[in-house]
Every structure is written in structure tokens, then in C-alpha cells.
Amino acid sequence: MKRLIYLCMLLMCSISMSAQSADKLYDEGKKLYDAEQYDKAVPMLQAAAEKGHKKAQYRLGRCYDKGNGVKEDNKKAYEWYMKSAKQDYAKGMYQVGRCYLKGKGVAANEDEARKWLKRAINDPKHGDEILKDLRNAKADGEEAARILTLLGKK
């Protein structure tokens, strides 16, 4: 019995350390990303993303979307955004919606775009911020206006 308890405790510590290391990798990778040191940021973000870190998955999607530190690849960007979105990360959901709207990395599908964009703006933590940014960008860009129209938020 003591051995079973010990094994359970060891497993819990291992899981905790894995999560912490993903957070640490993401934090270091994001600092490098923000400093525009993409070549150094990508390996850290990749490692954290592969461990399931939703923000790292989103950020890695941005790298592939913009060609920051990697060759631009819309399909890989969509795949990383989707991994983040499936973990209910609003910024990931928003980017998945944009991919569907523009047909970037996935076939264009307005219904799927609407679904993911609505999920993003209804997110209790980041939804209001995303909607505010869209409204501010509306005057500057056709895409923001199209998204707001699609969502009925003119």
C-alpha cells in the first residue's frame, strides 16, 4: 500500500513538473518573441506547444502565420491555432475563425468562421477585448468590418 501511495505521489510530482516546465518554456519563448528574436523563440514555443500549452500553441500559430522564425505556412498556423482553440483559448478561437473566413490553411467556410468567432467574443476572459479591438480596427480594415457584420455586431 505504501508503495502505491509513493508511486501516485511520484506521478503527481512528474505531472506538476511537466506543467511547470511548459509554463517556463512558454514564458521564456514569449519574452524572446516580444523582443522579435523569433529564431530563439520558436524552439521554446514549439516545446511548450507540444506539451499542450494553449498559449504556446497560439503563439506558434502566429509564427507560422506571419513567417516569424519559421517559413510561413498557413496550414501549420491553422493546425496550431486549432489546438489552442480546442482548449478554449479565445485568441486561438479568433484566429481559427479568421482562417475559416479567409480560407487560410483550411477551406473557406463562413459557418465555421462564424462559430469560432462567436466563441471567441463570448469568452468571459478575453471576449470583450477581442470585440473592442475589432471595433477599433473596423475603420482601418475591411476584414474587421466583415467579421463584425458576420457576427451581427456592426
C-alpha atoms as a PDB file:
ATOM      1  CA  MET A   1       0.000   0.000   0.000  1.00  0.00           C
ATOM      2  CA  LYS A   2       2.809   2.407   0.877  1.00  0.00           C
ATOM      3  CA  ARG A   3       4.418   1.635  -2.452  1.00  0.00           C
ATOM      4  CA  LEU A   4       1.202   2.506  -4.318  1.00  0.00           C
ATOM      5  CA  ILE A   5       0.912   5.805  -2.459  1.00  0.00           C
ATOM      6  CA  TYR A   6       4.551   6.555  -3.234  1.00  0.00           C
ATOM      7  CA  LEU A   7       4.021   5.817  -6.942  1.00  0.00           C
ATOM      8  CA  CYS A   8       0.938   8.044  -7.025  1.00  0.00           C
ATOM      9  CA  MET A   9       2.845  10.887  -5.375  1.00  0.00           C
ATOM     10  CA  LEU A  10       5.725  10.430  -7.812  1.00  0.00           C
ATOM     11  CA  LEU A  11       3.315  10.540 -10.753  1.00  0.00           C
ATOM     12  CA  MET A  12       1.648  13.705  -9.431  1.00  0.00           C
ATOM     13  CA  CYS A  13       5.036  15.405  -8.992  1.00  0.00           C
ATOM     14  CA  SER A  14       6.044  14.393 -12.502  1.00  0.00           C
ATOM     15  CA  ILE A  15       2.821  15.848 -13.952  1.00  0.00           C
ATOM     16  CA  SER A  16       3.302  19.044 -11.959  1.00  0.00           C
ATOM     17  CA  MET A  17       6.912  19.413 -13.124  1.00  0.00           C
ATOM     18  CA  SER A  18       5.875  18.848 -16.727  1.00  0.00           C
ATOM     19  CA  ALA A  19       3.249  21.606 -16.493  1.00  0.00           C
ATOM     20  CA  GLN A  20       5.720  23.956 -14.845  1.00  0.00           C
ATOM     21  CA  SER A  21       8.320  23.334 -17.476  1.00  0.00           C
ATOM     22  CA  ALA A  22       5.767  24.057 -20.230  1.00  0.00           C
ATOM     23  CA  ASP A  23       4.893  27.330 -18.488  1.00  0.00           C
ATOM     24  CA  LYS A  24       8.569  28.207 -18.115  1.00  0.00           C
ATOM     25  CA  LEU A  25       9.291  27.367 -21.758  1.00  0.00           C
ATOM     26  CA  TYR A  26       6.337  29.485 -22.851  1.00  0.00           C
ATOM     27  CA  ASP A  27       7.333  32.443 -20.666  1.00  0.00           C
ATOM     28  CA  GLU A  28      10.901  32.401 -21.992  1.00  0.00           C
ATOM     29  CA  GLY A  29       9.709  31.893 -25.567  1.00  0.00           C
ATOM     30  CA  LYS A  30       7.191  34.748 -25.316  1.00  0.00           C
ATOM     31  CA  LYS A  31       9.848  37.132 -23.986  1.00  0.00           C
ATOM     32  CA  LEU A  32      12.029  36.303 -26.968  1.00  0.00           C
ATOM     33  CA  TYR A  33       9.039  36.586 -29.324  1.00  0.00           C
ATOM     34  CA  ASP A  34       8.146  40.009 -27.907  1.00  0.00           C
ATOM     35  CA  ALA A  35      11.789  41.054 -28.377  1.00  0.00           C
ATOM     36  CA  GLU A  36      11.450  39.908 -32.016  1.00  0.00           C
ATOM     37  CA  GLN A  37      14.120  37.227 -31.519  1.00  0.00           C
ATOM     38  CA  TYR A  38      11.972  34.718 -33.365  1.00  0.00           C
ATOM     39  CA  ASP A  39      14.724  32.221 -34.197  1.00  0.00           C
ATOM     40  CA  LYS A  40      15.354  31.740 -30.473  1.00  0.00           C
ATOM     41  CA  ALA A  41      11.681  31.918 -29.502  1.00  0.00           C
ATOM     42  CA  VAL A  42      10.353  29.241 -31.864  1.00  0.00           C
ATOM     43  CA  PRO A  43      12.131  26.217 -30.311  1.00  0.00           C
ATOM     44  CA  MET A  44      10.883  27.164 -26.837  1.00  0.00           C
ATOM     45  CA  LEU A  45       7.359  27.830 -28.040  1.00  0.00           C
ATOM     46  CA  GLN A  46       7.422  24.570 -30.017  1.00  0.00           C
ATOM     47  CA  ALA A  47       8.477  22.572 -26.958  1.00  0.00           C
ATOM     48  CA  ALA A  48       5.793  24.168 -24.773  1.00  0.00           C
ATOM     49  CA  ALA A  49       3.157  23.770 -27.511  1.00  0.00           C
ATOM     50  CA  GLU A  50       3.976  20.081 -27.888  1.00  0.00           C
ATOM     51  CA  LYS A  51       3.427  19.709 -24.132  1.00  0.00           C
ATOM     52  CA  GLY A  52      -0.088  21.078 -24.662  1.00  0.00           C
ATOM     53  CA  HIS A  53       0.410  24.692 -23.547  1.00  0.00           C
ATOM     54  CA  LYS A  54      -2.531  26.537 -25.168  1.00  0.00           C
ATOM     55  CA  LYS A  55      -0.878  29.963 -25.271  1.00  0.00           C
ATOM     56  CA  ALA A  56       2.287  28.480 -26.774  1.00  0.00           C
ATOM     57  CA  GLN A  57       0.161  26.723 -29.392  1.00  0.00           C
ATOM     58  CA  TYR A  58      -1.487  30.030 -30.271  1.00  0.00           C
ATOM     59  CA  ARG A  59       1.847  31.899 -30.369  1.00  0.00           C
ATOM     60  CA  LEU A  60       3.438  29.180 -32.524  1.00  0.00           C
ATOM     61  CA  GLY A  61       0.468  29.526 -34.862  1.00  0.00           C
ATOM     62  CA  ARG A  62       1.255  33.245 -35.101  1.00  0.00           C
ATOM     63  CA  CYS A  63       4.858  32.399 -36.017  1.00  0.00           C
ATOM     64  CA  TYR A  64       3.699  30.209 -38.899  1.00  0.00           C
ATOM     65  CA  ASP A  65       1.006  32.719 -39.868  1.00  0.00           C
ATOM     66  CA  LYS A  66       3.474  35.599 -40.155  1.00  0.00           C
ATOM     67  CA  GLY A  67       6.674  33.711 -41.018  1.00  0.00           C
ATOM     68  CA  ASN A  68       8.358  34.787 -37.781  1.00  0.00           C
ATOM     69  CA  GLY A  69      11.334  32.472 -37.174  1.00  0.00           C
ATOM     70  CA  VAL A  70       9.882  29.809 -39.484  1.00  0.00           C
ATOM     71  CA  LYS A  71       8.817  29.565 -43.095  1.00  0.00           C
ATOM     72  CA  GLU A  72       5.297  30.952 -43.439  1.00  0.00           C
ATOM     73  CA  ASP A  73       2.872  28.022 -43.565  1.00  0.00           C
ATOM     74  CA  ASN A  74      -0.882  28.670 -43.386  1.00  0.00           C
ATOM     75  CA  LYS A  75      -1.733  25.015 -42.828  1.00  0.00           C
ATOM     76  CA  LYS A  76       0.598  24.699 -39.827  1.00  0.00           C
ATOM     77  CA  ALA A  77      -0.675  28.022 -38.487  1.00  0.00           C
ATOM     78  CA  TYR A  78      -4.256  26.751 -38.688  1.00  0.00           C
ATOM     79  CA  GLU A  79      -3.307  23.455 -37.004  1.00  0.00           C
ATOM     80  CA  TRP A  80      -1.627  25.187 -34.058  1.00  0.00           C
ATOM     81  CA  TYR A  81      -4.452  27.712 -33.731  1.00  0.00           C
ATOM     82  CA  MET A  82      -6.954  24.844 -33.678  1.00  0.00           C
ATOM     83  CA  LYS A  83      -5.052  23.034 -30.911  1.00  0.00           C
ATOM     84  CA  SER A  84      -5.205  26.213 -28.853  1.00  0.00           C
ATOM     85  CA  ALA A  85      -8.870  26.838 -29.712  1.00  0.00           C
ATOM     86  CA  LYS A  86      -9.856  23.319 -28.668  1.00  0.00           C
ATOM     87  CA  GLN A  87      -8.527  24.211 -25.219  1.00  0.00           C
ATOM     88  CA  ASP A  88     -10.917  27.187 -25.145  1.00  0.00           C
ATOM     89  CA  TYR A  89      -8.230  29.836 -25.620  1.00  0.00           C
ATOM     90  CA  ALA A  90     -10.125  32.823 -27.050  1.00  0.00           C
ATOM     91  CA  LYS A  91      -7.258  34.180 -29.141  1.00  0.00           C
ATOM     92  CA  GLY A  92      -6.850  30.750 -30.715  1.00  0.00           C
ATOM     93  CA  MET A  93     -10.586  30.576 -31.402  1.00  0.00           C
ATOM     94  CA  TYR A  94     -10.479  34.001 -33.021  1.00  0.00           C
ATOM     95  CA  GLN A  95      -7.611  33.008 -35.304  1.00  0.00           C
ATOM     96  CA  VAL A  96      -9.361  29.750 -36.282  1.00  0.00           C
ATOM     97  CA  GLY A  97     -12.375  31.842 -37.241  1.00  0.00           C
ATOM     98  CA  ARG A  98     -10.190  34.109 -39.365  1.00  0.00           C
ATOM     99  CA  CYS A  99      -8.619  31.082 -41.055  1.00  0.00           C
ATOM    100  CA  TYR A 100     -12.052  29.780 -41.996  1.00  0.00           C
ATOM    101  CA  LEU A 101     -13.160  33.223 -43.127  1.00  0.00           C
ATOM    102  CA  LYS A 102     -10.144  33.744 -45.380  1.00  0.00           C
ATOM    103  CA  GLY A 103      -9.538  30.135 -46.385  1.00  0.00           C
ATOM    104  CA  LYS A 104      -6.021  30.250 -44.889  1.00  0.00           C
ATOM    105  CA  GLY A 105      -4.703  26.761 -44.179  1.00  0.00           C
ATOM    106  CA  VAL A 106      -8.214  25.332 -44.407  1.00  0.00           C
ATOM    107  CA  ALA A 107     -11.076  25.527 -46.885  1.00  0.00           C
ATOM    108  CA  ALA A 108     -13.087  28.716 -46.502  1.00  0.00           C
ATOM    109  CA  ASN A 109     -16.298  28.093 -44.576  1.00  0.00           C
ATOM    110  CA  GLU A 110     -18.370  31.034 -43.376  1.00  0.00           C
ATOM    111  CA  ASP A 111     -20.460  28.917 -40.978  1.00  0.00           C
ATOM    112  CA  GLU A 112     -17.336  27.554 -39.269  1.00  0.00           C
ATOM    113  CA  ALA A 113     -15.859  31.059 -39.213  1.00  0.00           C
ATOM    114  CA  ARG A 114     -18.970  32.422 -37.509  1.00  0.00           C
ATOM    115  CA  LYS A 115     -18.984  29.572 -34.968  1.00  0.00           C
ATOM    116  CA  TRP A 116     -15.372  30.099 -33.889  1.00  0.00           C
ATOM    117  CA  LEU A 117     -15.546  33.895 -33.947  1.00  0.00           C
ATOM    118  CA  LYS A 118     -18.688  33.848 -31.773  1.00  0.00           C
ATOM    119  CA  ARG A 119     -16.993  31.505 -29.317  1.00  0.00           C
ATOM    120  CA  ALA A 120     -14.047  33.909 -29.163  1.00  0.00           C
ATOM    121  CA  ILE A 121     -16.070  37.060 -28.483  1.00  0.00           C
ATOM    122  CA  ASN A 122     -18.267  35.239 -25.960  1.00  0.00           C
ATOM    123  CA  ASP A 123     -15.250  34.128 -23.953  1.00  0.00           C
ATOM    124  CA  PRO A 124     -15.601  35.554 -20.427  1.00  0.00           C
ATOM    125  CA  LYS A 125     -11.887  36.360 -20.070  1.00  0.00           C
ATOM    126  CA  HIS A 126     -10.864  37.767 -23.475  1.00  0.00           C
ATOM    127  CA  GLY A 127     -14.081  38.171 -25.472  1.00  0.00           C
ATOM    128  CA  ASP A 128     -14.720  41.823 -24.669  1.00  0.00           C
ATOM    129  CA  GLU A 129     -11.116  42.693 -25.523  1.00  0.00           C
ATOM    130  CA  ILE A 130     -11.353  40.907 -28.898  1.00  0.00           C
ATOM    131  CA  LEU A 131     -14.642  42.643 -29.720  1.00  0.00           C
ATOM    132  CA  LYS A 132     -13.223  46.035 -28.687  1.00  0.00           C
ATOM    133  CA  ASP A 133     -10.153  45.502 -30.884  1.00  0.00           C
ATOM    134  CA  LEU A 134     -12.383  44.531 -33.819  1.00  0.00           C
ATOM    135  CA  ARG A 135     -14.498  47.649 -33.413  1.00  0.00           C
ATOM    136  CA  ASN A 136     -11.379  49.832 -33.215  1.00  0.00           C
ATOM    137  CA  ALA A 137      -9.967  48.170 -36.345  1.00  0.00           C
ATOM    138  CA  LYS A 138     -13.243  48.452 -38.269  1.00  0.00           C
ATOM    139  CA  ALA A 139     -12.401  51.891 -39.636  1.00  0.00           C
ATOM    140  CA  ASP A 140      -8.926  50.717 -40.689  1.00  0.00           C
ATOM    141  CA  GLY A 141      -9.735  47.411 -42.282  1.00  0.00           C
ATOM    142  CA  GLU A 142     -12.211  45.612 -44.415  1.00  0.00           C
ATOM    143  CA  GLU A 143     -11.586  42.318 -42.596  1.00  0.00           C
ATOM    144  CA  ALA A 144     -12.635  43.650 -39.175  1.00  0.00           C
ATOM    145  CA  ALA A 145     -15.779  45.161 -40.675  1.00  0.00           C
ATOM    146  CA  ARG A 146     -16.565  41.841 -42.378  1.00  0.00           C
ATOM    147  CA  ILE A 147     -16.131  39.926 -39.114  1.00  0.00           C
ATOM    148  CA  LEU A 148     -18.364  42.315 -37.198  1.00  0.00           C
ATOM    149  CA  THR A 149     -21.031  42.063 -39.913  1.00  0.00           C
ATOM    150  CA  LEU A 150     -20.766  38.276 -39.875  1.00  0.00           C
ATOM    151  CA  LEU A 151     -21.308  38.319 -36.119  1.00  0.00           C
ATOM    152  CA  GLY A 152     -24.130  40.862 -36.266  1.00  0.00           C
ATOM    153  CA  LYS A 153     -22.083  43.329 -34.187  1.00  0.00           C
ATOM    154  CA  LYS A 154     -21.757  46.162 -36.716  1.00  0.00           C
END
